[in-house]
């Protein structure tokens, strides 16, 4: 059952971030407006979109899923920070849910296993 839940949540996370990344890489007006509003250069929108798409792909590859989830957590932490520091506390719902989902997927995919192996082999 856990395997099914892990795959479903990974798929939802990948779908959400693939769409978000694509909207940034294609320069959708809403994304351009948001990045401009935050004072970020537009090239940063491309970088963010690329990381989102890479993370979306990585969470679907079990061996690299924890890396993808960690990258997506970082992206969402940045989004939360941007919204909160620009007076948009009411806009943190979606980034917060996606951050939590990325943490859950990372946990289910075992992102702590590498550190446990390093300690055990030391």
Foldseek 3Di string as FASTA:
>chain_A
DLVVVLQVLLLVLLVVLLVQLVCLCVVPVVLVVLCVLLVHDSVVSNVLSVLSNVLSVQCNPLVRNLVSLVSLLVSLVVVCVSCVVNVNNVPNPVSVVSNVSSVVSNVSSPVPPVVVVVVVVD
